[in-house]
Amino acid sequence: MVPVFGIDLDYTVDDAIRKNYGVGTNGINNAKPTVKPAQKTTPAPAKPKTTESMPKLPAIPQNKQPVSKQTTATTNKTTPVKKAVIKKTTAPSKSFPMRKGMSFEIVNASAISDKQRAGTRIVFTTKKPIKTAYYTIPQGTKLTGEIAESHTPQISGNGGLVSLSIDTIILGGKYQRIETRVLRVGGKKVFLEDIKGKRSYWKNTVNKGKWGRRTFHKMNKLSADLIQDKTTVILSPFTFVYGVVLGTVSTATSPIVSLFCKGGSVYIPANTPFKIKLTQDVKLYY
């Protein structure tokens, strides 16, 4: 047998060209091709890429510094730097105690009398050094006080009065408070812290009755002389009675008259020794 080869031509392409571009037998005409608008197509969702699972890497240690709990609101703000204040330190003051009941002697620098008003300040000085367990107060240390109460002599034989309150000692250039009581003034005891003038009621009573007694003695002597003479003996009773009456009247009235008489004054000259006693514990600085 003889092999035969055949070619099958597809003319469908020529039909499509002629239809779309107007190609005739005379060639391509001027007809415009009709192009259909392209339709919008939505892209298909991309499939997630699949990656092969990798083993986890070991954790890398990090040098993290500890963060304090107290944090500032804003890191941009700068805190003001406080200037260091240098305080001047002084050496501690030296001190020593004086116990309640301790007594010592002082003298007044000026005279004191009941004519001075209450509130008048009086200056005293220590008569001799005052020794304590920790410190010796030198002689001549000044103390001050004031007249708390005073009055001049009064009727009914009351004397003058001065009440002293010695309340300050000047030691180490400092005025320091103390509480004291006056025990003696010039060797005489002081009761209830009041220095009183002499009460002279009974003394005044005796003095006011002296004139009556003197008169009685004179009349009694005169009566004795009249009895010696016969011519005057008749008068002797009268003089005797007169002396008795005057003596009795003066004795009876002298207590009443003494009520209007005053007592003695208070006058303490300078450098008179005073003995005082502490009534409270005190801590003194020198």
Protein backbone atom coordinates (compact mmCIF):
# COMPACT_ATOMS: atom_id res chain seq x y z
CA MET A 1 0.00 0.00 0.00
CA VAL A 2 1.12 3.54 -0.73
CA PRO A 3 0.84 6.03 2.26
CA VAL A 4 -1.24 9.09 1.51
CA PHE A 5 -0.81 12.45 3.50
CA GLY A 6 -3.76 14.88 3.81
CA ILE A 7 -4.02 18.51 5.26
CA ASP A 8 -7.19 19.68 6.86
CA LEU A 9 -7.38 23.52 6.83
CA ASP A 10 -9.54 25.39 9.40
CA TYR A 11 -11.19 28.43 7.86
CA THR A 12 -13.13 29.46 10.97
CA VAL A 13 -10.42 32.02 11.77
CA ASP A 14 -10.97 33.83 8.48
CA ASP A 15 -14.68 34.02 9.12
CA ALA A 16 -14.09 35.63 12.51
CA ILE A 17 -11.72 38.23 11.05
CA ARG A 18 -14.11 39.17 8.35
CA LYS A 19 -16.91 39.55 10.79
CA ASN A 20 -15.01 41.71 13.26
CA TYR A 21 -12.85 43.84 10.96
CA GLY A 22 -14.99 43.96 7.84
CA VAL A 23 -12.59 42.35 5.56
CA GLY A 24 -14.11 41.67 2.28
CA THR A 25 -12.85 40.42 -0.81
CA ASN A 26 -11.41 43.83 -1.56
CA GLY A 27 -9.32 43.96 1.60
CA ILE A 28 -9.76 45.56 5.07
CA ASN A 29 -12.42 48.22 5.12
CA ASN A 30 -12.57 51.23 7.42
CA ALA A 31 -15.04 49.75 9.78
CA LYS A 32 -14.05 50.17 13.44
CA PRO A 33 -13.79 47.09 15.39
CA THR A 34 -16.32 46.71 18.10
CA VAL A 35 -14.56 46.11 21.38
CA LYS A 36 -16.66 44.98 24.25
CA PRO A 37 -15.85 46.65 27.56
CA ALA A 38 -13.85 44.49 29.77
CA GLN A 39 -15.73 43.11 32.65
CA LYS A 40 -14.35 43.73 36.08
CA THR A 41 -13.12 40.66 37.66
CA THR A 42 -12.61 40.25 41.34
CA PRO A 43 -9.32 38.73 42.21
CA ALA A 44 -9.53 35.41 43.86
CA PRO A 45 -8.60 35.39 47.51
CA ALA A 46 -5.04 34.56 48.06
CA LYS A 47 -4.43 31.32 49.71
CA PRO A 48 -2.48 31.58 52.90
CA LYS A 49 1.03 30.59 52.54
CA THR A 50 1.89 27.62 54.45
CA THR A 51 5.16 27.61 56.23
CA GLU A 52 6.79 24.70 57.70
CA SER A 53 6.79 24.69 61.51
CA MET A 54 10.24 25.51 62.85
CA PRO A 55 11.53 24.44 66.25
CA LYS A 56 11.57 27.19 68.93
CA LEU A 57 14.87 28.87 69.58
CA PRO A 58 16.27 28.82 73.10
CA ALA A 59 15.58 31.96 75.17
CA ILE A 60 18.42 34.46 75.12
CA PRO A 61 19.19 35.80 78.63
CA GLN A 62 18.89 39.56 78.92
CA ASN A 63 20.56 41.72 81.59
CA LYS A 64 17.52 43.57 82.85
CA GLN A 65 18.04 46.04 85.67
CA PRO A 66 15.43 46.04 88.46
CA VAL A 67 12.92 48.80 88.04
CA SER A 68 11.83 50.52 91.23
CA LYS A 69 8.14 50.63 91.97
CA GLN A 70 8.19 54.36 92.50
CA THR A 71 8.36 55.99 89.07
CA THR A 72 7.88 59.57 88.16
CA ALA A 73 4.86 60.59 86.12
CA THR A 74 6.96 62.06 83.34
CA THR A 75 10.54 61.22 82.62
CA ASN A 76 11.16 64.50 80.85
CA LYS A 77 10.75 66.55 84.03
CA THR A 78 13.90 67.15 86.00
CA THR A 79 13.75 67.27 89.79
CA PRO A 80 15.28 70.39 91.33
CA VAL A 81 18.52 69.85 93.15
CA LYS A 82 18.29 70.85 96.82
CA LYS A 83 21.16 72.79 98.20
CA ALA A 84 22.75 71.27 101.22
CA VAL A 85 22.11 73.34 104.34
CA ILE A 86 25.06 73.45 106.65
CA LYS A 87 23.91 73.76 110.25
CA LYS A 88 26.21 75.36 112.73
CA THR A 89 26.74 73.09 115.65
CA THR A 90 27.50 74.60 119.02
CA ALA A 91 29.09 72.92 121.95
CA PRO A 92 26.53 71.57 124.44
CA SER A 93 25.97 73.75 127.50
CA LYS A 94 27.31 72.47 130.77
CA SER A 95 24.81 72.05 133.58
CA PHE A 96 24.52 70.77 137.12
CA PRO A 97 21.56 70.04 139.43
CA MET A 98 20.68 71.65 142.76
CA ARG A 99 18.36 69.68 144.98
CA LYS A 100 15.30 70.82 146.86
CA GLY A 101 16.08 71.78 150.48
CA MET A 102 19.62 73.02 149.79
CA SER A 103 20.31 76.24 151.74
CA PHE A 104 22.99 78.92 151.38
CA GLU A 105 23.69 82.50 152.45
CA ILE A 106 23.44 85.71 150.44
CA VAL A 107 23.61 89.42 151.24
CA ASN A 108 21.53 92.29 149.89
CA ALA A 109 23.35 94.89 147.77
CA SER A 110 21.02 97.74 148.81
CA ALA A 111 18.84 98.63 151.77
CA ILE A 112 15.30 97.23 152.01
CA SER A 113 12.40 98.91 153.79
CA ASP A 114 8.62 98.65 154.05
CA LYS A 115 8.33 101.96 152.20
CA GLN A 116 9.35 100.30 148.92
CA ARG A 117 6.45 99.26 146.71
CA ALA A 118 5.59 95.72 145.64
CA GLY A 119 7.43 94.76 142.45
CA THR A 120 10.66 96.56 143.34
CA ARG A 121 13.62 94.44 142.21
CA ILE A 122 16.37 93.72 144.76
CA VAL A 123 19.89 92.49 143.95
CA PHE A 124 21.69 89.96 146.16
CA THR A 125 25.12 88.33 146.00
CA THR A 126 26.40 85.06 147.39
CA LYS A 127 28.33 85.57 150.61
CA LYS A 128 30.69 82.65 149.97
CA PRO A 129 31.19 79.92 147.34
CA ILE A 130 28.37 77.38 147.11
CA LYS A 131 29.76 73.89 146.62
CA THR A 132 27.79 71.18 144.83
CA ALA A 133 28.75 67.69 143.66
CA TYR A 134 29.36 68.86 140.08
CA TYR A 135 30.07 72.59 140.23
CA THR A 136 30.97 75.32 142.71
CA ILE A 137 29.05 78.57 142.39
CA PRO A 138 31.64 81.31 142.94
CA GLN A 139 31.42 83.94 145.62
CA GLY A 140 29.78 87.16 144.48
CA THR A 141 27.34 85.45 142.08
CA LYS A 142 24.31 87.68 141.66
CA LEU A 143 20.74 86.75 142.49
CA THR A 144 17.69 88.92 142.03
CA GLY A 145 14.33 89.03 143.69
CA GLU A 146 11.42 91.33 144.16
CA ILE A 147 9.26 92.68 146.92
CA ALA A 148 6.09 90.62 146.59
CA GLU A 149 4.17 92.57 149.25
CA SER A 150 4.85 95.51 151.55
CA HIS A 151 3.09 97.98 153.81
CA THR A 152 4.11 100.56 156.36
CA PRO A 153 3.20 100.25 160.09
CA GLN A 154 -0.52 100.16 160.77
CA ILE A 155 -2.81 100.99 163.66
CA SER A 156 -3.56 98.55 166.47
CA GLY A 157 0.17 98.19 166.93
CA ASN A 158 0.82 96.30 163.67
CA GLY A 159 4.31 96.77 162.32
CA GLY A 160 5.45 97.19 158.74
CA LEU A 161 5.82 94.20 156.41
CA VAL A 162 8.12 93.14 153.59
CA SER A 163 7.64 89.84 151.72
CA LEU A 164 10.57 88.87 149.47
CA SER A 165 10.64 86.48 146.53
CA ILE A 166 14.19 85.60 145.40
CA ASP A 167 13.55 83.93 142.04
CA THR A 168 16.54 84.41 139.69
CA ILE A 169 20.23 83.54 139.67
CA ILE A 170 22.63 85.00 137.11
CA LEU A 171 25.10 82.27 136.16
CA GLY A 172 27.16 82.00 132.99
CA GLY A 173 25.63 85.23 131.72
CA LYS A 174 22.13 83.67 131.84
CA TYR A 175 19.16 84.63 134.00
CA GLN A 176 17.93 81.29 135.38
CA ARG A 177 14.75 80.70 137.33
CA ILE A 178 14.85 79.31 140.87
CA GLU A 179 12.31 78.96 143.66
CA THR A 180 13.47 79.83 147.18
CA ARG A 181 12.26 80.65 150.66
CA VAL A 182 13.80 83.10 153.11
CA LEU A 183 14.69 81.40 156.41
CA ARG A 184 16.67 84.04 158.29
CA VAL A 185 17.42 87.74 158.02
CA GLY A 186 20.25 89.11 160.11
CA GLY A 187 20.23 86.00 162.32
CA LYS A 188 16.49 86.24 163.08
CA LYS A 189 14.02 83.61 161.92
CA VAL A 190 11.45 84.56 159.32
CA PHE A 191 7.99 83.00 159.57
CA LEU A 192 5.81 82.49 156.48
CA GLU A 193 8.37 84.36 154.33
CA ASP A 194 7.22 87.70 155.78
CA ILE A 195 9.66 90.12 157.36
CA LYS A 196 7.60 92.06 159.88
CA GLY A 197 8.21 95.11 161.98
CA LYS A 198 7.78 94.90 165.72
CA ARG A 199 4.20 94.60 166.91
CA SER A 200 3.94 97.19 169.67
CA TYR A 201 0.36 96.96 170.87
CA TRP A 202 1.20 95.83 174.40
CA LYS A 203 4.20 98.09 174.53
CA ASN A 204 1.99 101.01 173.56
CA THR A 205 -0.58 99.95 176.15
CA VAL A 206 2.07 100.05 178.86
CA ASN A 207 3.42 103.39 177.64
CA LYS A 208 -0.03 104.97 177.54
CA GLY A 209 -0.65 103.92 181.14
CA LYS A 210 2.60 105.35 182.48
CA TRP A 211 1.29 108.87 182.99
CA GLY A 212 -1.50 107.60 185.28
CA ARG A 213 0.91 105.55 187.35
CA ARG A 214 3.34 108.45 187.66
CA THR A 215 0.49 110.71 188.72
CA PHE A 216 -0.65 108.19 191.34
CA HIS A 217 2.87 107.96 192.82
CA LYS A 218 3.16 111.72 192.98
CA MET A 219 -0.24 112.13 194.67
CA ASN A 220 0.55 109.32 197.07
CA LYS A 221 3.81 111.01 198.09
CA LEU A 222 2.05 114.35 198.40
CA SER A 223 -0.58 112.84 200.65
CA ALA A 224 2.15 111.42 202.87
CA ASP A 225 3.74 114.86 203.17
CA LEU A 226 0.38 116.48 204.02
CA ILE A 227 -0.19 114.03 206.81
CA GLN A 228 3.04 115.17 208.51
CA ASP A 229 1.65 118.69 208.98
CA LYS A 230 -1.42 119.15 211.22
CA THR A 231 -2.69 122.05 209.15
CA THR A 232 -2.66 120.12 205.85
CA VAL A 233 -3.59 116.66 207.06
CA ILE A 234 -7.16 117.27 206.04
CA LEU A 235 -6.07 117.63 202.40
CA SER A 236 -4.16 114.37 202.22
CA PRO A 237 -7.17 112.16 201.37
CA PHE A 238 -8.07 114.33 198.41
CA THR A 239 -4.64 114.07 196.85
CA PHE A 240 -4.58 110.35 197.43
CA VAL A 241 -8.00 109.84 195.85
CA TYR A 242 -6.98 112.07 192.93
CA GLY A 243 -3.89 109.91 192.25
CA VAL A 244 -5.91 106.70 192.47
CA VAL A 245 -8.53 107.99 190.02
CA LEU A 246 -5.95 109.14 187.47
CA GLY A 247 -3.99 105.91 187.75
CA THR A 248 -7.15 103.85 187.28
CA VAL A 249 -8.35 105.89 184.34
CA SER A 250 -5.01 105.70 182.54
CA THR A 251 -4.79 101.94 183.09
CA ALA A 252 -8.33 101.39 181.84
CA THR A 253 -8.03 103.61 178.79
CA SER A 254 -4.50 102.65 177.69
CA PRO A 255 -5.63 99.48 175.75
CA ILE A 256 -8.18 101.53 173.85
CA VAL A 257 -5.75 104.33 173.11
CA SER A 258 -3.14 101.79 171.95
CA LEU A 259 -5.47 100.62 169.16
CA PHE A 260 -4.72 103.89 167.35
CA CYS A 261 -0.96 103.54 167.72
CA LYS A 262 1.26 102.02 165.02
CA GLY A 263 3.88 99.29 165.25
CA GLY A 264 7.53 99.29 164.26
CA SER A 265 8.93 99.81 160.76
CA VAL A 266 10.95 97.34 158.67
CA TYR A 267 14.39 98.52 157.62
CA ILE A 268 17.13 96.13 156.48
CA PRO A 269 20.48 97.83 155.81
CA ALA A 270 22.75 96.78 152.95
CA ASN A 271 25.03 93.74 153.38
CA THR A 272 22.64 92.07 155.81
CA PRO A 273 23.03 88.28 155.67
CA PHE A 274 20.05 86.29 154.35
CA LYS A 275 19.72 82.54 154.58
CA ILE A 276 17.54 81.04 151.83
CA LYS A 277 16.47 77.51 150.88
CA LEU A 278 15.52 75.96 147.54
CA THR A 279 11.92 74.79 147.46
CA GLN A 280 12.17 72.97 144.09
CA ASP A 281 14.82 70.97 142.24
CA VAL A 282 16.57 73.06 139.61
CA LYS A 283 19.02 72.46 136.75
CA LEU A 284 21.46 75.33 136.27
CA TYR A 285 23.73 76.07 133.28
CA TYR A 286 27.16 77.68 133.46
